[in-house]
Amino acid sequence: MRKAIVVCVLLALGVASVSAQTATPRATKRQVVQQGRIKEGVKRGELTPRETRRLEREQAKIAIDKSKAKSDGVVTPRERAKLNREQNRASRHIFRQKNDAQAR
């Protein structure tokens, strides 16, 4: 009996962790796309090393915030909105830095 309860609890925890990992697929996809845009900007010489560091640091903060949101197994609408705002802001920063007229 005790063994069955332990198995059920472990199974429930496993299901919760899987659902938490997939709770933000849109945010994950946006992160991948934004990382690609940064990489492309470096490759084309559109971003200076300083701009690149700043943008990468911003992406790291978004990843940390996403992990915190998923830590309890549920991403609330408020947490999802915060991630979306952060990603919108990061997207604007990437665009502005790639399109400014700084000498590389």
PDB file of N, CA and C in Angstrom:
ATOM      1  N   MET A   1       0.827  -1.196   0.000  1.00  0.00           N
ATOM      2  CA  MET A   1       0.000   0.000   0.000  1.00  0.00           C
ATOM      3  C   MET A   1       0.870   1.258   0.000  1.00  0.00           C
ATOM      4  N   ARG A   2       1.831   1.270   0.891  1.00  0.00           N
ATOM      5  CA  ARG A   2       2.713   2.424   1.000  1.00  0.00           C
ATOM      6  C   ARG A   2       3.488   2.645  -0.298  1.00  0.00           C
ATOM      7  N   LYS A   3       3.908   1.553  -0.904  1.00  0.00           N
ATOM      8  CA  LYS A   3       4.654   1.618  -2.159  1.00  0.00           C
ATOM      9  C   LYS A   3       3.792   2.220  -3.270  1.00  0.00           C
ATOM     10  N   ALA A   4       2.537   1.868  -3.299  1.00  0.00           N
ATOM     11  CA  ALA A   4       1.613   2.389  -4.314  1.00  0.00           C
ATOM     12  C   ALA A   4       1.414   3.889  -4.151  1.00  0.00           C
ATOM     13  N   ILE A   5       1.340   4.360  -2.927  1.00  0.00           N
ATOM     14  CA  ILE A   5       1.175   5.794  -2.673  1.00  0.00           C
ATOM     15  C   ILE A   5       2.416   6.556  -3.138  1.00  0.00           C
ATOM     16  N   VAL A   6       3.585   6.006  -2.826  1.00  0.00           N
ATOM     17  CA  VAL A   6       4.840   6.649  -3.240  1.00  0.00           C
ATOM     18  C   VAL A   6       4.913   6.713  -4.762  1.00  0.00           C
ATOM     19  N   VAL A   7       4.549   5.653  -5.427  1.00  0.00           N
ATOM     20  CA  VAL A   7       4.571   5.619  -6.886  1.00  0.00           C
ATOM     21  C   VAL A   7       3.603   6.659  -7.467  1.00  0.00           C
ATOM     22  N   CYS A   8       2.419   6.759  -6.891  1.00  0.00           N
ATOM     23  CA  CYS A   8       1.436   7.741  -7.366  1.00  0.00           C
ATOM     24  C   CYS A   8       1.937   9.167  -7.186  1.00  0.00           C
ATOM     25  N   VAL A   9       2.550   9.437  -6.042  1.00  0.00           N
ATOM     26  CA  VAL A   9       3.074  10.782  -5.779  1.00  0.00           C
ATOM     27  C   VAL A   9       4.195  11.107  -6.766  1.00  0.00           C
ATOM     28  N   LEU A  10       5.098  10.181  -6.974  1.00  0.00           N
ATOM     29  CA  LEU A  10       6.198  10.405  -7.919  1.00  0.00           C
ATOM     30  C   LEU A  10       5.676  10.599  -9.346  1.00  0.00           C
ATOM     31  N   LEU A  11       4.675   9.829  -9.701  1.00  0.00           N
ATOM     32  CA  LEU A  11       4.075   9.973 -11.030  1.00  0.00           C
ATOM     33  C   LEU A  11       3.425  11.339 -11.186  1.00  0.00           C
ATOM     34  N   ALA A  12       2.725  11.785 -10.162  1.00  0.00           N
ATOM     35  CA  ALA A  12       2.084  13.099 -10.209  1.00  0.00           C
ATOM     36  C   ALA A  12       3.127  14.208 -10.317  1.00  0.00           C
ATOM     37  N   LEU A  13       4.220  14.084  -9.585  1.00  0.00           N
ATOM     38  CA  LEU A  13       5.290  15.085  -9.666  1.00  0.00           C
ATOM     39  C   LEU A  13       5.924  15.091 -11.052  1.00  0.00           C
ATOM     40  N   GLY A  14       6.087  13.933 -11.641  1.00  0.00           N
ATOM     41  CA  GLY A  14       6.648  13.839 -12.991  1.00  0.00           C
ATOM     42  C   GLY A  14       5.757  14.515 -14.012  1.00  0.00           C
ATOM     43  N   VAL A  15       4.466  14.308 -13.922  1.00  0.00           N
ATOM     44  CA  VAL A  15       3.513  14.938 -14.831  1.00  0.00           C
ATOM     45  C   VAL A  15       3.531  16.450 -14.655  1.00  0.00           C
ATOM     46  N   ALA A  16       3.606  16.911 -13.416  1.00  0.00           N
ATOM     47  CA  ALA A  16       3.638  18.351 -13.143  1.00  0.00           C
ATOM     48  C   ALA A  16       4.897  18.982 -13.719  1.00  0.00           C
ATOM     49  N   SER A  17       6.036  18.299 -13.600  1.00  0.00           N
ATOM     50  CA  SER A  17       7.272  18.882 -14.118  1.00  0.00           C
ATOM     51  C   SER A  17       7.276  18.914 -15.642  1.00  0.00           C
ATOM     52  N   VAL A  18       6.696  17.898 -16.282  1.00  0.00           N
ATOM     53  CA  VAL A  18       6.608  17.894 -17.743  1.00  0.00           C
ATOM     54  C   VAL A  18       5.696  19.008 -18.218  1.00  0.00           C
ATOM     55  N   SER A  19       4.576  19.203 -17.543  1.00  0.00           N
ATOM     56  CA  SER A  19       3.670  20.273 -17.960  1.00  0.00           C
ATOM     57  C   SER A  19       4.290  21.636 -17.712  1.00  0.00           C
ATOM     58  N   ALA A  20       5.114  21.782 -16.675  1.00  0.00           N
ATOM     59  CA  ALA A  20       5.788  23.058 -16.409  1.00  0.00           C
ATOM     60  C   ALA A  20       6.831  23.332 -17.478  1.00  0.00           C
ATOM     61  N   GLN A  21       7.499  22.291 -17.959  1.00  0.00           N
ATOM     62  CA  GLN A  21       8.511  22.479 -18.997  1.00  0.00           C
ATOM     63  C   GLN A  21       7.885  22.922 -20.301  1.00  0.00           C
ATOM     64  N   THR A  22       6.694  22.486 -20.580  1.00  0.00           N
ATOM     65  CA  THR A  22       6.044  22.846 -21.834  1.00  0.00           C
ATOM     66  C   THR A  22       5.048  23.988 -21.651  1.00  0.00           C
ATOM     67  N   ALA A  23       5.042  24.609 -20.492  1.00  0.00           N
ATOM     68  CA  ALA A  23       4.071  25.661 -20.201  1.00  0.00           C
ATOM     69  C   ALA A  23       4.348  26.947 -20.962  1.00  0.00           C
ATOM     70  N   THR A  24       5.561  27.109 -21.478  1.00  0.00           N
ATOM     71  CA  THR A  24       5.906  28.354 -22.162  1.00  0.00           C
ATOM     72  C   THR A  24       6.539  28.100 -23.533  1.00  0.00           C
ATOM     73  N   PRO A  25       5.891  27.332 -24.390  1.00  0.00           N
ATOM     74  CA  PRO A  25       6.514  27.057 -25.688  1.00  0.00           C
ATOM     75  C   PRO A  25       6.662  28.313 -26.546  1.00  0.00           C
ATOM     76  N   ARG A  26       5.729  29.236 -26.448  1.00  0.00           N
ATOM     77  CA  ARG A  26       5.814  30.469 -27.229  1.00  0.00           C
ATOM     78  C   ARG A  26       7.002  31.307 -26.770  1.00  0.00           C
ATOM     79  N   ALA A  27       7.194  31.394 -25.464  1.00  0.00           N
ATOM     80  CA  ALA A  27       8.326  32.150 -24.918  1.00  0.00           C
ATOM     81  C   ALA A  27       9.643  31.501 -25.325  1.00  0.00           C
ATOM     82  N   THR A  28       9.691  30.185 -25.291  1.00  0.00           N
ATOM     83  CA  THR A  28      10.901  29.470 -25.683  1.00  0.00           C
ATOM     84  C   THR A  28      11.218  29.716 -27.150  1.00  0.00           C
ATOM     85  N   LYS A  29      10.212  29.656 -27.995  1.00  0.00           N
ATOM     86  CA  LYS A  29      10.430  29.886 -29.421  1.00  0.00           C
ATOM     87  C   LYS A  29      10.928  31.308 -29.663  1.00  0.00           C
ATOM     88  N   ARG A  30      10.348  32.275 -28.961  1.00  0.00           N
ATOM     89  CA  ARG A  30      10.781  33.667 -29.121  1.00  0.00           C
ATOM     90  C   ARG A  30      12.228  33.833 -28.674  1.00  0.00           C
ATOM     91  N   GLN A  31      12.617  33.153 -27.607  1.00  0.00           N
ATOM     92  CA  GLN A  31      14.001  33.239 -27.148  1.00  0.00           C
ATOM     93  C   GLN A  31      14.950  32.708 -28.210  1.00  0.00           C
ATOM     94  N   VAL A  32      14.603  31.598 -28.819  1.00  0.00           N
ATOM     95  CA  VAL A  32      15.441  31.005 -29.857  1.00  0.00           C
ATOM     96  C   VAL A  32      15.569  31.968 -31.041  1.00  0.00           C
ATOM     97  N   VAL A  33      14.458  32.556 -31.442  1.00  0.00           N
ATOM     98  CA  VAL A  33      14.472  33.499 -32.569  1.00  0.00           C
ATOM     99  C   VAL A  33      15.313  34.723 -32.231  1.00  0.00           C
ATOM    100  N   GLN A  34      15.155  35.255 -31.019  1.00  0.00           N
ATOM    101  CA  GLN A  34      15.911  36.444 -30.646  1.00  0.00           C
ATOM    102  C   GLN A  34      17.402  36.138 -30.541  1.00  0.00           C
ATOM    103  N   GLN A  35      17.760  34.968 -30.041  1.00  0.00           N
ATOM    104  CA  GLN A  35      19.169  34.587 -30.002  1.00  0.00           C
ATOM    105  C   GLN A  35      19.735  34.500 -31.420  1.00  0.00           C
ATOM    106  N   GLY A  36      18.940  33.992 -32.350  1.00  0.00           N
ATOM    107  CA  GLY A  36      19.355  33.926 -33.747  1.00  0.00           C
ATOM    108  C   GLY A  36      19.569  35.308 -34.344  1.00  0.00           C
ATOM    109  N   ARG A  37      18.697  36.247 -33.993  1.00  0.00           N
ATOM    110  CA  ARG A  37      18.839  37.621 -34.487  1.00  0.00           C
ATOM    111  C   ARG A  37      20.117  38.262 -33.958  1.00  0.00           C
ATOM    112  N   ILE A  38      20.440  37.991 -32.700  1.00  0.00           N
ATOM    113  CA  ILE A  38      21.675  38.524 -32.117  1.00  0.00           C
ATOM    114  C   ILE A  38      22.881  37.911 -32.831  1.00  0.00           C
ATOM    115  N   LYS A  39      22.857  36.605 -32.998  1.00  0.00           N
ATOM    116  CA  LYS A  39      23.957  35.907 -33.666  1.00  0.00           C
ATOM    117  C   LYS A  39      24.147  36.437 -35.086  1.00  0.00           C
ATOM    118  N   GLU A  40      23.037  36.657 -35.780  1.00  0.00           N
ATOM    119  CA  GLU A  40      23.089  37.193 -37.147  1.00  0.00           C
ATOM    120  C   GLU A  40      23.684  38.604 -37.150  1.00  0.00           C
ATOM    121  N   GLY A  41      23.319  39.425 -36.167  1.00  0.00           N
ATOM    122  CA  GLY A  41      23.855  40.779 -36.064  1.00  0.00           C
ATOM    123  C   GLY A  41      25.352  40.788 -35.835  1.00  0.00           C
ATOM    124  N   VAL A  42      25.842  39.843 -35.038  1.00  0.00           N
ATOM    125  CA  VAL A  42      27.281  39.730 -34.802  1.00  0.00           C
ATOM    126  C   VAL A  42      27.974  39.310 -36.093  1.00  0.00           C
ATOM    127  N   LYS A  43      27.414  38.316 -36.748  1.00  0.00           N
ATOM    128  CA  LYS A  43      28.006  37.778 -37.978  1.00  0.00           C
ATOM    129  C   LYS A  43      28.097  38.846 -39.073  1.00  0.00           C
ATOM    130  N   ARG A  44      27.082  39.670 -39.182  1.00  0.00           N
ATOM    131  CA  ARG A  44      27.060  40.714 -40.209  1.00  0.00           C
ATOM    132  C   ARG A  44      27.798  41.983 -39.794  1.00  0.00           C
ATOM    133  N   GLY A  45      28.245  42.031 -38.551  1.00  0.00           N
ATOM    134  CA  GLY A  45      28.956  43.204 -38.079  1.00  0.00           C
ATOM    135  C   GLY A  45      28.032  44.348 -37.698  1.00  0.00           C
ATOM    136  N   GLU A  46      26.779  44.053 -37.444  1.00  0.00           N
ATOM    137  CA  GLU A  46      25.809  45.083 -37.077  1.00  0.00           C
ATOM    138  C   GLU A  46      25.819  45.389 -35.581  1.00  0.00           C
ATOM    139  N   LEU A  47      26.433  44.503 -34.799  1.00  0.00           N
ATOM    140  CA  LEU A  47      26.475  44.675 -33.345  1.00  0.00           C
ATOM    141  C   LEU A  47      27.926  44.757 -32.873  1.00  0.00           C
ATOM    142  N   THR A  48      28.194  45.709 -32.005  1.00  0.00           N
ATOM    143  CA  THR A  48      29.511  45.801 -31.386  1.00  0.00           C
ATOM    144  C   THR A  48      29.588  44.771 -30.263  1.00  0.00           C
ATOM    145  N   PRO A  49      30.789  44.454 -29.796  1.00  0.00           N
ATOM    146  CA  PRO A  49      30.896  43.510 -28.673  1.00  0.00           C
ATOM    147  C   PRO A  49      30.131  43.985 -27.432  1.00  0.00           C
ATOM    148  N   ARG A  50      30.159  45.270 -27.169  1.00  0.00           N
ATOM    149  CA  ARG A  50      29.443  45.798 -26.002  1.00  0.00           C
ATOM    150  C   ARG A  50      27.935  45.622 -26.164  1.00  0.00           C
ATOM    151  N   GLU A  51      27.412  45.946 -27.353  1.00  0.00           N
ATOM    152  CA  GLU A  51      25.971  45.772 -27.603  1.00  0.00           C
ATOM    153  C   GLU A  51      25.582  44.310 -27.469  1.00  0.00           C
ATOM    154  N   THR A  52      26.444  43.425 -27.986  1.00  0.00           N
ATOM    155  CA  THR A  52      26.171  41.995 -27.918  1.00  0.00           C
ATOM    156  C   THR A  52      26.091  41.526 -26.476  1.00  0.00           C
ATOM    157  N   ARG A  53      27.045  41.958 -25.656  1.00  0.00           N
ATOM    158  CA  ARG A  53      27.018  41.562 -24.239  1.00  0.00           C
ATOM    159  C   ARG A  53      25.739  42.023 -23.562  1.00  0.00           C
ATOM    160  N   ARG A  54      25.357  43.263 -23.844  1.00  0.00           N
ATOM    161  CA  ARG A  54      24.154  43.817 -23.214  1.00  0.00           C
ATOM    162  C   ARG A  54      22.910  43.021 -23.634  1.00  0.00           C
ATOM    163  N   LEU A  55      22.800  42.710 -24.926  1.00  0.00           N
ATOM    164  CA  LEU A  55      21.641  41.964 -25.424  1.00  0.00           C
ATOM    165  C   LEU A  55      21.629  40.531 -24.868  1.00  0.00           C
ATOM    166  N   GLU A  56      22.805  39.909 -24.789  1.00  0.00           N
ATOM    167  CA  GLU A  56      22.885  38.557 -24.240  1.00  0.00           C
ATOM    168  C   GLU A  56      22.506  38.539 -22.759  1.00  0.00           C
ATOM    169  N   ARG A  57      22.919  39.572 -22.035  1.00  0.00           N
ATOM    170  CA  ARG A  57      22.564  39.672 -20.613  1.00  0.00           C
ATOM    171  C   ARG A  57      21.048  39.809 -20.462  1.00  0.00           C
ATOM    172  N   GLU A  58      20.443  40.576 -21.354  1.00  0.00           N
ATOM    173  CA  GLU A  58      18.984  40.738 -21.319  1.00  0.00           C
ATOM    174  C   GLU A  58      18.286  39.402 -21.583  1.00  0.00           C
ATOM    175  N   GLN A  59      18.805  38.632 -22.533  1.00  0.00           N
ATOM    176  CA  GLN A  59      18.235  37.318 -22.822  1.00  0.00           C
ATOM    177  C   GLN A  59      18.395  36.371 -21.634  1.00  0.00           C
ATOM    178  N   ALA A  60      19.529  36.468 -20.951  1.00  0.00           N
ATOM    179  CA  ALA A  60      19.756  35.620 -19.778  1.00  0.00           C
ATOM    180  C   ALA A  60      18.753  35.951 -18.673  1.00  0.00           C
ATOM    181  N   LYS A  61      18.459  37.229 -18.489  1.00  0.00           N
ATOM    182  CA  LYS A  61      17.474  37.633 -17.468  1.00  0.00           C
ATOM    183  C   LYS A  61      16.096  37.082 -17.811  1.00  0.00           C
ATOM    184  N   ILE A  62      15.741  37.122 -19.080  1.00  0.00           N
ATOM    185  CA  ILE A  62      14.447  36.562 -19.495  1.00  0.00           C
ATOM    186  C   ILE A  62      14.405  35.064 -19.199  1.00  0.00           C
ATOM    187  N   ALA A  63      15.500  34.365 -19.458  1.00  0.00           N
ATOM    188  CA  ALA A  63      15.553  32.922 -19.186  1.00  0.00           C
ATOM    189  C   ALA A  63      15.406  32.645 -17.693  1.00  0.00           C
ATOM    190  N   ILE A  64      16.028  33.474 -16.865  1.00  0.00           N
ATOM    191  CA  ILE A  64      15.911  33.306 -15.416  1.00  0.00           C
ATOM    192  C   ILE A  64      14.467  33.552 -14.970  1.00  0.00           C
ATOM    193  N   ASP A  65      13.866  34.613 -15.498  1.00  0.00           N
ATOM    194  CA  ASP A  65      12.477  34.912 -15.140  1.00  0.00           C
ATOM    195  C   ASP A  65      11.536  33.795 -15.586  1.00  0.00           C
ATOM    196  N   LYS A  66      11.822  33.221 -16.748  1.00  0.00           N
ATOM    197  CA  LYS A  66      10.998  32.111 -17.237  1.00  0.00           C
ATOM    198  C   LYS A  66      11.136  30.902 -16.313  1.00  0.00           C
ATOM    199  N   SER A  67      12.352  30.628 -15.861  1.00  0.00           N
ATOM    200  CA  SER A  67      12.575  29.512 -14.937  1.00  0.00           C
ATOM    201  C   SER A  67      11.845  29.741 -13.619  1.00  0.00           C
ATOM    202  N   LYS A  68      11.886  30.968 -13.127  1.00  0.00           N
ATOM    203  CA  LYS A  68      11.176  31.288 -11.884  1.00  0.00           C
ATOM    204  C   LYS A  68       9.675  31.109 -12.053  1.00  0.00           C
ATOM    205  N   ALA A  69       9.153  31.539 -13.207  1.00  0.00           N
ATOM    206  CA  ALA A  69       7.715  31.405 -13.453  1.00  0.00           C
ATOM    207  C   ALA A  69       7.306  29.933 -13.487  1.00  0.00           C
ATOM    208  N   LYS A  70       8.171  29.090 -14.023  1.00  0.00           N
ATOM    209  CA  LYS A  70       7.853  27.675 -14.151  1.00  0.00           C
ATOM    210  C   LYS A  70       8.182  26.868 -12.901  1.00  0.00           C
ATOM    211  N   SER A  71       8.850  27.472 -11.926  1.00  0.00           N
ATOM    212  CA  SER A  71       9.355  26.731 -10.780  1.00  0.00           C
ATOM    213  C   SER A  71       8.263  26.079  -9.937  1.00  0.00           C
ATOM    214  N   ASP A  72       7.098  26.686  -9.860  1.00  0.00           N
ATOM    215  CA  ASP A  72       6.023  26.095  -9.055  1.00  0.00           C
ATOM    216  C   ASP A  72       5.113  25.189  -9.871  1.00  0.00           C
ATOM    217  N   GLY A  73       5.439  25.006 -11.139  1.00  0.00           N
ATOM    218  CA  GLY A  73       4.663  24.095 -11.976  1.00  0.00           C
ATOM    219  C   GLY A  73       3.530  24.741 -12.740  1.00  0.00           C
ATOM    220  N   VAL A  74       3.244  26.019 -12.460  1.00  0.00           N
ATOM    221  CA  VAL A  74       2.151  26.722 -13.134  1.00  0.00           C
ATOM    222  C   VAL A  74       2.640  28.105 -13.544  1.00  0.00           C
ATOM    223  N   VAL A  75       2.449  28.433 -14.811  1.00  0.00           N
ATOM    224  CA  VAL A  75       2.774  29.780 -15.279  1.00  0.00           C
ATOM    225  C   VAL A  75       1.457  30.544 -15.340  1.00  0.00           C
ATOM    226  N   THR A  76       1.320  31.501 -14.450  1.00  0.00           N
ATOM    227  CA  THR A  76       0.077  32.260 -14.368  1.00  0.00           C
ATOM    228  C   THR A  76      -0.026  33.248 -15.530  1.00  0.00           C
ATOM    229  N   PRO A  77      -1.220  33.721 -15.829  1.00  0.00           N
ATOM    230  CA  PRO A  77      -1.362  34.728 -16.889  1.00  0.00           C
ATOM    231  C   PRO A  77      -0.521  35.980 -16.619  1.00  0.00           C
ATOM    232  N   ARG A  78      -0.403  36.344 -15.363  1.00  0.00           N
ATOM    233  CA  ARG A  78       0.404  37.513 -15.008  1.00  0.00           C
ATOM    234  C   ARG A  78       1.883  37.271 -15.315  1.00  0.00           C
ATOM    235  N   GLU A  79       2.385  36.078 -14.989  1.00  0.00           N
ATOM    236  CA  GLU A  79       3.776  35.738 -15.293  1.00  0.00           C
ATOM    237  C   GLU A  79       4.003  35.667 -16.796  1.00  0.00           C
ATOM    238  N   ARG A  80       3.027  35.108 -17.503  1.00  0.00           N
ATOM    239  CA  ARG A  80       3.123  35.007 -18.965  1.00  0.00           C
ATOM    240  C   ARG A  80       3.166  36.404 -19.592  1.00  0.00           C
ATOM    241  N   ALA A  81       2.350  37.319 -19.079  1.00  0.00           N
ATOM    242  CA  ALA A  81       2.338  38.691 -19.587  1.00  0.00           C
ATOM    243  C   ALA A  81       3.666  39.386 -19.324  1.00  0.00           C
ATOM    244  N   LYS A  82       4.241  39.140 -18.145  1.00  0.00           N
ATOM    245  CA  LYS A  82       5.542  39.742 -17.821  1.00  0.00           C
ATOM    246  C   LYS A  82       6.613  39.242 -18.783  1.00  0.00           C
ATOM    247  N   LEU A  83       6.632  37.934 -19.044  1.00  0.00           N
ATOM    248  CA  LEU A  83       7.597  37.378 -19.989  1.00  0.00           C
ATOM    249  C   LEU A  83       7.402  37.985 -21.375  1.00  0.00           C
ATOM    250  N   ASN A  84       6.160  38.136 -21.777  1.00  0.00           N
ATOM    251  CA  ASN A  84       5.862  38.715 -23.089  1.00  0.00           C
ATOM    252  C   ASN A  84       6.362  40.162 -23.179  1.00  0.00           C
ATOM    253  N   ARG A  85       6.124  40.946 -22.127  1.00  0.00           N
ATOM    254  CA  ARG A  85       6.609  42.339 -22.099  1.00  0.00           C
ATOM    255  C   ARG A  85       8.130  42.392 -22.186  1.00  0.00           C
ATOM    256  N   GLU A  86       8.798  41.523 -21.437  1.00  0.00           N
ATOM    257  CA  GLU A  86      10.255  41.493 -21.455  1.00  0.00           C
ATOM    258  C   GLU A  86      10.773  41.127 -22.839  1.00  0.00           C
ATOM    259  N   GLN A  87      10.111  40.175 -23.476  1.00  0.00           N
ATOM    260  CA  GLN A  87      10.552  39.765 -24.805  1.00  0.00           C
ATOM    261  C   GLN A  87      10.266  40.838 -25.851  1.00  0.00           C
ATOM    262  N   ASN A  88       9.153  41.544 -25.712  1.00  0.00           N
ATOM    263  CA  ASN A  88       8.875  42.662 -26.621  1.00  0.00           C
ATOM    264  C   ASN A  88       9.959  43.728 -26.495  1.00  0.00           C
ATOM    265  N   ARG A  89      10.303  44.045 -25.262  1.00  0.00           N
ATOM    266  CA  ARG A  89      11.335  45.061 -25.002  1.00  0.00           C
ATOM    267  C   ARG A  89      12.678  44.605 -25.579  1.00  0.00           C
ATOM    268  N   ALA A  90      13.031  43.347 -25.370  1.00  0.00           N
ATOM    269  CA  ALA A  90      14.292  42.811 -25.883  1.00  0.00           C
ATOM    270  C   ALA A  90      14.311  42.843 -27.411  1.00  0.00           C
ATOM    271  N   SER A  91      13.177  42.533 -28.020  1.00  0.00           N
ATOM    272  CA  SER A  91      13.088  42.562 -29.477  1.00  0.00           C
ATOM    273  C   SER A  91      13.341  43.974 -30.013  1.00  0.00           C
ATOM    274  N   ARG A  92      12.751  44.972 -29.346  1.00  0.00           N
ATOM    275  CA  ARG A  92      12.986  46.370 -29.743  1.00  0.00           C
ATOM    276  C   ARG A  92      14.461  46.735 -29.588  1.00  0.00           C
ATOM    277  N   HIS A  93      15.075  46.300 -28.497  1.00  0.00           N
ATOM    278  CA  HIS A  93      16.482  46.604 -28.273  1.00  0.00           C
ATOM    279  C   HIS A  93      17.354  45.983 -29.355  1.00  0.00           C
ATOM    280  N   ILE A  94      17.065  44.741 -29.719  1.00  0.00           N
ATOM    281  CA  ILE A  94      17.836  44.073 -30.775  1.00  0.00           C
ATOM    282  C   ILE A  94      17.694  44.854 -32.078  1.00  0.00           C
ATOM    283  N   PHE A  95      16.478  45.220 -32.426  1.00  0.00           N
ATOM    284  CA  PHE A  95      16.252  45.961 -33.675  1.00  0.00           C
ATOM    285  C   PHE A  95      17.023  47.272 -33.669  1.00  0.00           C
ATOM    286  N   ARG A  96      16.900  48.021 -32.581  1.00  0.00           N
ATOM    287  CA  ARG A  96      17.559  49.331 -32.515  1.00  0.00           C
ATOM    288  C   ARG A  96      19.069  49.211 -32.596  1.00  0.00           C
ATOM    289  N   GLN A  97      19.630  48.248 -31.896  1.00  0.00           N
ATOM    290  CA  GLN A  97      21.080  48.098 -31.907  1.00  0.00           C
ATOM    291  C   GLN A  97      21.598  47.615 -33.257  1.00  0.00           C
ATOM    292  N   LYS A  98      20.842  46.756 -33.912  1.00  0.00           N
ATOM    293  CA  LYS A  98      21.266  46.276 -35.227  1.00  0.00           C
ATOM    294  C   LYS A  98      21.166  47.365 -36.287  1.00  0.00           C
ATOM    295  N   ASN A  99      20.257  48.309 -36.103  1.00  0.00           N
ATOM    296  CA  ASN A  99      20.012  49.307 -37.132  1.00  0.00           C
ATOM    297  C   ASN A  99      20.548  50.692 -36.798  1.00  0.00           C
ATOM    298  N   ASP A 100      21.316  50.801 -35.723  1.00  0.00           N
ATOM    299  CA  ASP A 100      21.909  52.114 -35.458  1.00  0.00           C
ATOM    300  C   ASP A 100      23.119  52.293 -36.377  1.00  0.00           C
ATOM    301  N   ALA A 101      23.607  53.499 -36.477  1.00  0.00           N
ATOM    302  CA  ALA A 101      24.660  53.813 -37.443  1.00  0.00           C
ATOM    303  C   ALA A 101      26.038  53.855 -36.786  1.00  0.00           C
ATOM    304  N   GLN A 102      26.287  53.015 -35.814  1.00  0.00           N
ATOM    305  CA  GLN A 102      27.571  52.997 -35.161  1.00  0.00           C
ATOM    306  C   GLN A 102      28.603  52.292 -36.024  1.00  0.00           C
ATOM    307  N   ALA A 103      29.826  52.796 -35.982  1.00  0.00           N
ATOM    308  CA  ALA A 103      30.908  52.144 -36.706  1.00  0.00           C
ATOM    309  C   ALA A 103      31.313  50.871 -35.974  1.00  0.00           C
ATOM    310  N   ARG A 104      31.533  49.820 -36.710  1.00  0.00           N
ATOM    311  CA  ARG A 104      31.894  48.532 -36.096  1.00  0.00           C
ATOM    312  C   ARG A 104      33.378  48.338 -36.172  1.00  0.00           C
TER     313      ARG A 104
END
